[in-house]
Amino acid sequence: MYETYLSRCSQKVAQDCRDEIHSSVVYGNQTVTVKCCSNLVNVVGKQCYDDMSKYVATLPNLMPKKDEILQRSKNVWNACATH
């Protein structure tokens, strides 16, 4: 059930924004554009975004960077929410 919820959340992310948001949150090497921020805030929403970020941060290969990923996720949301 939770996987279905996360899948629905991820489908809300515009196709052309997925890599941009992922790179920004996971690697910190991308800035999210205004267009993708708008998609994130107005279509995906905070709850879906937070839940997806938490899930990604707990994947085995990313777990060592969990705190960094969650902080970047928060930073991305805050930056996008102010656009």
Foldseek 3Di string as FASTA:
>chain_A
DVVVVLVVLVVLQPPVQVVQLCCCLQPVPHARDLVRLCSCPPGNHDVSLLVNQQVVCPDPVNVVVSVSSNVSSVVNNVVSVVD
